[in-house]
Amino acid sequence: MIGIFHVFMWYFLLVLYKGQIKGAFGIYEPITYKTGCTLWGIFFIIAGVFIIGVTKYPTRSGKLGREISRILLFFYPLEFSVALTYSICSCSNLFQRQSDLTSVAEEAENTF
């Protein structure tokens, strides 16, 4: 499903990209074409086909892959909580006032 979504979104953006007119800032070039968004969709589709094949005929490597997936599923929420905590702490420091801040004009006057 994710792969099909990526491919359809790429096609939708292609239609929008081809239909745009040149504006004051030029023509917008979507980053999804430069990063190969449609290739992501194809990789997701191929991975899904392989997963379905492995579940029908399990092998030793398939069992190992499932164990690794269980370990990764444990670490994903841990990684998310660390990233969320870090971003909250970083954003909370943005709004603290510092008394030693000076304006650009004051800095320029002090250098002369």
N, C-alpha and C. Protein backbone atom coordinates (compact mmCIF):
# COMPACT_ATOMS: atom_id res chain seq x y z
N MET A 1 0.82 -1.19 0.00
CA MET A 1 0.00 0.00 0.00
C MET A 1 0.87 1.26 0.00
N ILE A 2 1.95 1.24 0.78
CA ILE A 2 2.82 2.42 0.83
C ILE A 2 3.48 2.64 -0.53
N GLY A 3 3.91 1.57 -1.16
CA GLY A 3 4.54 1.69 -2.47
C GLY A 3 3.60 2.24 -3.52
N ILE A 4 2.37 1.75 -3.53
CA ILE A 4 1.38 2.25 -4.49
C ILE A 4 1.08 3.72 -4.22
N PHE A 5 1.02 4.10 -2.95
CA PHE A 5 0.81 5.50 -2.60
C PHE A 5 1.94 6.38 -3.14
N HIS A 6 3.19 5.93 -2.98
CA HIS A 6 4.33 6.71 -3.48
C HIS A 6 4.27 6.87 -4.99
N VAL A 7 3.94 5.81 -5.69
CA VAL A 7 3.89 5.89 -7.15
C VAL A 7 2.77 6.83 -7.60
N PHE A 8 1.59 6.71 -6.98
CA PHE A 8 0.48 7.60 -7.36
C PHE A 8 0.76 9.05 -7.01
N MET A 9 1.38 9.30 -5.86
CA MET A 9 1.72 10.68 -5.50
C MET A 9 2.75 11.25 -6.47
N TRP A 10 3.69 10.41 -6.92
CA TRP A 10 4.66 10.88 -7.90
C TRP A 10 3.96 11.27 -9.19
N TYR A 11 2.99 10.45 -9.62
CA TYR A 11 2.25 10.75 -10.84
C TYR A 11 1.42 12.02 -10.67
N PHE A 12 0.80 12.18 -9.51
CA PHE A 12 0.01 13.37 -9.23
C PHE A 12 0.88 14.62 -9.27
N LEU A 13 2.05 14.56 -8.67
CA LEU A 13 2.96 15.70 -8.70
C LEU A 13 3.49 15.96 -10.11
N LEU A 14 3.65 14.90 -10.89
CA LEU A 14 4.09 15.08 -12.28
C LEU A 14 3.04 15.85 -13.06
N VAL A 15 1.77 15.52 -12.87
CA VAL A 15 0.69 16.23 -13.56
C VAL A 15 0.66 17.69 -13.13
N LEU A 16 0.83 17.95 -11.82
CA LEU A 16 0.85 19.32 -11.34
C LEU A 16 2.07 20.08 -11.86
N TYR A 17 3.22 19.40 -11.91
CA TYR A 17 4.45 20.03 -12.36
C TYR A 17 4.37 20.40 -13.84
N LYS A 18 3.81 19.52 -14.64
CA LYS A 18 3.70 19.80 -16.09
C LYS A 18 2.68 20.89 -16.38
N GLY A 19 1.68 21.07 -15.53
CA GLY A 19 0.63 22.03 -15.79
C GLY A 19 0.88 23.42 -15.24
N GLN A 20 2.00 23.62 -14.55
CA GLN A 20 2.23 24.92 -13.95
C GLN A 20 2.75 25.93 -14.98
N ILE A 21 2.49 27.20 -14.70
CA ILE A 21 2.95 28.27 -15.57
C ILE A 21 4.08 29.00 -14.87
N LYS A 22 4.89 29.69 -15.65
CA LYS A 22 6.03 30.39 -15.07
C LYS A 22 5.52 31.60 -14.29
N GLY A 23 5.86 31.63 -13.00
CA GLY A 23 5.43 32.71 -12.14
C GLY A 23 6.54 33.72 -11.92
N ALA A 24 6.36 34.57 -10.92
CA ALA A 24 7.34 35.61 -10.62
C ALA A 24 8.67 35.02 -10.16
N PHE A 25 8.62 33.86 -9.51
CA PHE A 25 9.83 33.25 -8.99
C PHE A 25 10.33 32.10 -9.85
N GLY A 26 9.79 31.95 -11.04
CA GLY A 26 10.19 30.87 -11.93
C GLY A 26 9.29 29.67 -11.78
N ILE A 27 9.78 28.54 -12.26
CA ILE A 27 9.02 27.29 -12.20
C ILE A 27 9.51 26.48 -11.01
N TYR A 28 8.57 25.98 -10.22
CA TYR A 28 8.90 25.17 -9.06
C TYR A 28 9.33 23.78 -9.50
N GLU A 29 10.48 23.34 -9.02
CA GLU A 29 10.94 21.99 -9.29
C GLU A 29 10.78 21.16 -8.03
N PRO A 30 9.85 20.23 -8.02
CA PRO A 30 9.60 19.44 -6.81
C PRO A 30 10.82 18.61 -6.41
N ILE A 31 11.07 18.56 -5.13
CA ILE A 31 12.22 17.81 -4.63
C ILE A 31 11.99 16.31 -4.77
N THR A 32 10.72 15.90 -4.91
CA THR A 32 10.45 14.46 -5.02
C THR A 32 11.02 13.88 -6.30
N TYR A 33 11.18 14.69 -7.34
CA TYR A 33 11.78 14.17 -8.57
C TYR A 33 13.29 14.05 -8.42
N LYS A 34 13.88 14.96 -7.67
CA LYS A 34 15.33 14.90 -7.49
C LYS A 34 15.72 13.78 -6.54
N THR A 35 14.85 13.41 -5.61
CA THR A 35 15.16 12.34 -4.66
C THR A 35 14.67 10.99 -5.13
N GLY A 36 13.92 10.94 -6.19
CA GLY A 36 13.45 9.68 -6.73
C GLY A 36 12.32 9.06 -5.93
N CYS A 37 11.29 9.82 -5.66
CA CYS A 37 10.17 9.35 -4.85
C CYS A 37 9.51 8.11 -5.45
N THR A 38 9.42 8.05 -6.75
CA THR A 38 8.80 6.89 -7.37
C THR A 38 9.62 5.63 -7.16
N LEU A 39 10.95 5.76 -7.06
CA LEU A 39 11.79 4.61 -6.78
C LEU A 39 11.52 4.06 -5.38
N TRP A 40 11.24 4.95 -4.44
CA TRP A 40 10.88 4.48 -3.09
C TRP A 40 9.66 3.59 -3.19
N GLY A 41 8.66 4.02 -3.96
CA GLY A 41 7.44 3.23 -4.10
C GLY A 41 7.72 1.87 -4.71
N ILE A 42 8.59 1.84 -5.72
CA ILE A 42 8.92 0.56 -6.36
C ILE A 42 9.64 -0.35 -5.37
N PHE A 43 10.55 0.22 -4.57
CA PHE A 43 11.25 -0.59 -3.56
C PHE A 43 10.28 -1.14 -2.52
N PHE A 44 9.30 -0.33 -2.11
CA PHE A 44 8.30 -0.81 -1.15
C PHE A 44 7.48 -1.96 -1.75
N ILE A 45 7.12 -1.83 -3.02
CA ILE A 45 6.33 -2.87 -3.67
C ILE A 45 7.14 -4.17 -3.78
N ILE A 46 8.40 -4.06 -4.18
CA ILE A 46 9.25 -5.25 -4.29
C ILE A 46 9.47 -5.88 -2.92
N ALA A 47 9.69 -5.06 -1.89
CA ALA A 47 9.86 -5.61 -0.54
C ALA A 47 8.60 -6.32 -0.08
N GLY A 48 7.43 -5.77 -0.40
CA GLY A 48 6.18 -6.43 -0.03
C GLY A 48 6.03 -7.77 -0.71
N VAL A 49 6.42 -7.87 -1.98
CA VAL A 49 6.34 -9.14 -2.70
C VAL A 49 7.25 -10.17 -2.04
N PHE A 50 8.47 -9.76 -1.67
CA PHE A 50 9.39 -10.68 -1.01
C PHE A 50 8.87 -11.12 0.36
N ILE A 51 8.26 -10.21 1.10
CA ILE A 51 7.73 -10.55 2.42
C ILE A 51 6.61 -11.57 2.29
N ILE A 52 5.74 -11.37 1.31
CA ILE A 52 4.66 -12.34 1.09
C ILE A 52 5.23 -13.71 0.73
N GLY A 53 6.26 -13.73 -0.10
CA GLY A 53 6.89 -15.00 -0.47
C GLY A 53 7.54 -15.69 0.72
N VAL A 54 8.17 -14.95 1.59
CA VAL A 54 8.82 -15.53 2.76
C VAL A 54 7.80 -16.07 3.75
N THR A 55 6.68 -15.39 3.90
CA THR A 55 5.67 -15.88 4.85
C THR A 55 5.01 -17.16 4.36
N LYS A 56 4.93 -17.33 3.04
CA LYS A 56 4.35 -18.58 2.51
C LYS A 56 5.30 -19.75 2.68
N TYR A 57 6.59 -19.51 2.48
CA TYR A 57 7.60 -20.56 2.58
C TYR A 57 8.70 -20.08 3.53
N PRO A 58 8.49 -20.23 4.85
CA PRO A 58 9.48 -19.71 5.80
C PRO A 58 10.79 -20.51 5.74
N THR A 59 11.87 -19.77 5.83
CA THR A 59 13.20 -20.37 5.88
C THR A 59 13.88 -19.90 7.16
N ARG A 60 15.11 -20.38 7.34
CA ARG A 60 15.86 -19.96 8.53
C ARG A 60 16.14 -18.46 8.50
N SER A 61 16.46 -17.93 7.32
CA SER A 61 16.74 -16.49 7.22
C SER A 61 15.48 -15.68 7.46
N GLY A 62 14.33 -16.22 7.07
CA GLY A 62 13.07 -15.53 7.33
C GLY A 62 12.78 -15.44 8.81
N LYS A 63 13.07 -16.52 9.54
CA LYS A 63 12.87 -16.50 10.99
C LYS A 63 13.82 -15.52 11.65
N LEU A 64 15.05 -15.46 11.16
CA LEU A 64 16.02 -14.50 11.69
C LEU A 64 15.56 -13.08 11.40
N GLY A 65 15.01 -12.86 10.22
CA GLY A 65 14.51 -11.53 9.87
C GLY A 65 13.37 -11.09 10.77
N ARG A 66 12.50 -12.04 11.13
CA ARG A 66 11.40 -11.70 12.03
C ARG A 66 11.92 -11.34 13.42
N GLU A 67 12.95 -12.03 13.88
CA GLU A 67 13.53 -11.71 15.19
C GLU A 67 14.18 -10.33 15.17
N ILE A 68 14.85 -10.02 14.09
CA ILE A 68 15.46 -8.69 13.96
C ILE A 68 14.37 -7.62 13.91
N SER A 69 13.27 -7.91 13.24
CA SER A 69 12.16 -6.96 13.18
C SER A 69 11.58 -6.70 14.57
N ARG A 70 11.49 -7.74 15.38
CA ARG A 70 11.00 -7.55 16.75
C ARG A 70 11.92 -6.64 17.54
N ILE A 71 13.22 -6.82 17.37
CA ILE A 71 14.18 -5.96 18.07
C ILE A 71 14.05 -4.52 17.61
N LEU A 72 13.94 -4.34 16.28
CA LEU A 72 13.81 -2.98 15.75
C LEU A 72 12.51 -2.32 16.19
N LEU A 73 11.44 -3.09 16.27
CA LEU A 73 10.17 -2.54 16.73
C LEU A 73 10.25 -2.06 18.17
N PHE A 74 11.13 -2.64 18.95
CA PHE A 74 11.34 -2.16 20.31
C PHE A 74 12.10 -0.84 20.29
N PHE A 75 13.07 -0.70 19.39
CA PHE A 75 13.92 0.49 19.39
C PHE A 75 13.29 1.70 18.70
N TYR A 76 12.30 1.50 17.83
CA TYR A 76 11.66 2.64 17.16
C TYR A 76 10.98 3.59 18.15
N PRO A 77 10.16 3.11 19.09
CA PRO A 77 9.58 4.04 20.07
C PRO A 77 10.64 4.69 20.95
N LEU A 78 11.71 3.94 21.24
CA LEU A 78 12.80 4.52 22.04
C LEU A 78 13.47 5.66 21.28
N GLU A 79 13.73 5.45 20.00
CA GLU A 79 14.34 6.50 19.18
C GLU A 79 13.42 7.71 19.06
N PHE A 80 12.13 7.46 18.90
CA PHE A 80 11.16 8.56 18.80
C PHE A 80 11.12 9.37 20.09
N SER A 81 11.12 8.69 21.23
CA SER A 81 11.06 9.42 22.51
C SER A 81 12.33 10.23 22.74
N VAL A 82 13.48 9.71 22.35
CA VAL A 82 14.72 10.48 22.49
C VAL A 82 14.70 11.71 21.58
N ALA A 83 14.25 11.54 20.34
CA ALA A 83 14.18 12.67 19.41
C ALA A 83 13.17 13.72 19.88
N LEU A 84 12.04 13.26 20.41
CA LEU A 84 11.03 14.19 20.90
C LEU A 84 11.54 14.96 22.11
N THR A 85 12.18 14.27 23.04
CA THR A 85 12.75 14.93 24.21
C THR A 85 13.81 15.95 23.81
N TYR A 86 14.67 15.58 22.87
CA TYR A 86 15.72 16.48 22.42
C TYR A 86 15.13 17.73 21.76
N SER A 87 14.10 17.55 20.93
CA SER A 87 13.50 18.70 20.24
C SER A 87 12.77 19.61 21.22
N ILE A 88 12.12 19.03 22.22
CA ILE A 88 11.43 19.86 23.22
C ILE A 88 12.44 20.66 24.03
N CYS A 89 13.53 20.01 24.44
CA CYS A 89 14.56 20.73 25.20
C CYS A 89 15.23 21.81 24.35
N SER A 90 15.45 21.52 23.07
CA SER A 90 16.08 22.52 22.19
C SER A 90 15.16 23.70 21.95
N CYS A 91 13.87 23.44 21.77
CA CYS A 91 12.93 24.52 21.52
C CYS A 91 12.67 25.35 22.77
N SER A 92 12.77 24.74 23.93
CA SER A 92 12.53 25.50 25.16
C SER A 92 13.64 26.52 25.39
N ASN A 93 14.85 26.24 24.89
CA ASN A 93 15.96 27.18 25.04
C ASN A 93 15.85 28.35 24.07
N LEU A 94 15.02 28.26 23.06
CA LEU A 94 14.91 29.35 22.09
C LEU A 94 14.25 30.59 22.68
N PHE A 95 13.37 30.40 23.62
CA PHE A 95 12.59 31.52 24.13
C PHE A 95 13.14 32.11 25.42
N GLN A 96 14.28 31.64 25.88
CA GLN A 96 14.89 32.23 27.06
C GLN A 96 15.62 33.50 26.65
N ARG A 97 15.40 34.56 27.42
CA ARG A 97 16.06 35.84 27.11
C ARG A 97 17.48 35.83 27.63
N GLN A 98 18.34 36.37 26.82
CA GLN A 98 19.73 36.49 27.23
C GLN A 98 20.05 37.98 27.32
N SER A 99 20.70 38.37 28.39
CA SER A 99 20.95 39.79 28.63
C SER A 99 22.11 40.31 27.80
N ASP A 100 22.97 39.47 27.29
CA ASP A 100 24.14 39.93 26.55
C ASP A 100 23.90 40.05 25.05
N LEU A 101 22.66 39.96 24.60
CA LEU A 101 22.36 40.12 23.18
C LEU A 101 22.37 41.59 22.80
N THR A 102 23.00 41.89 21.69
CA THR A 102 23.02 43.25 21.17
C THR A 102 22.53 43.23 19.73
N SER A 103 22.07 44.36 19.26
CA SER A 103 21.59 44.43 17.88
C SER A 103 22.76 44.55 16.91
N VAL A 104 22.46 44.37 15.65
CA VAL A 104 23.49 44.45 14.63
C VAL A 104 24.05 45.85 14.55
N ALA A 105 23.18 46.86 14.70
CA ALA A 105 23.64 48.25 14.65
C ALA A 105 24.60 48.55 15.79
N GLU A 106 24.29 48.07 16.98
CA GLU A 106 25.19 48.30 18.13
C GLU A 106 26.54 47.61 17.92
N GLU A 107 26.53 46.42 17.36
CA GLU A 107 27.78 45.72 17.09
C GLU A 107 28.61 46.49 16.07
N ALA A 108 27.95 47.04 15.04
CA ALA A 108 28.68 47.80 14.03
C ALA A 108 29.27 49.07 14.62
N GLU A 109 28.53 49.75 15.51
CA GLU A 109 29.05 50.97 16.14
C GLU A 109 30.23 50.65 17.06
N ASN A 110 30.18 49.53 17.73
CA ASN A 110 31.27 49.17 18.65
C ASN A 110 32.55 48.80 17.93
N THR A 111 32.48 48.36 16.70
CA THR A 111 33.69 47.99 15.98
C THR A 111 34.45 49.19 15.44
N PHE A 112 33.77 50.35 15.29
CA PHE A 112 34.46 51.55 14.81
C PHE A 112 35.01 52.26 15.95
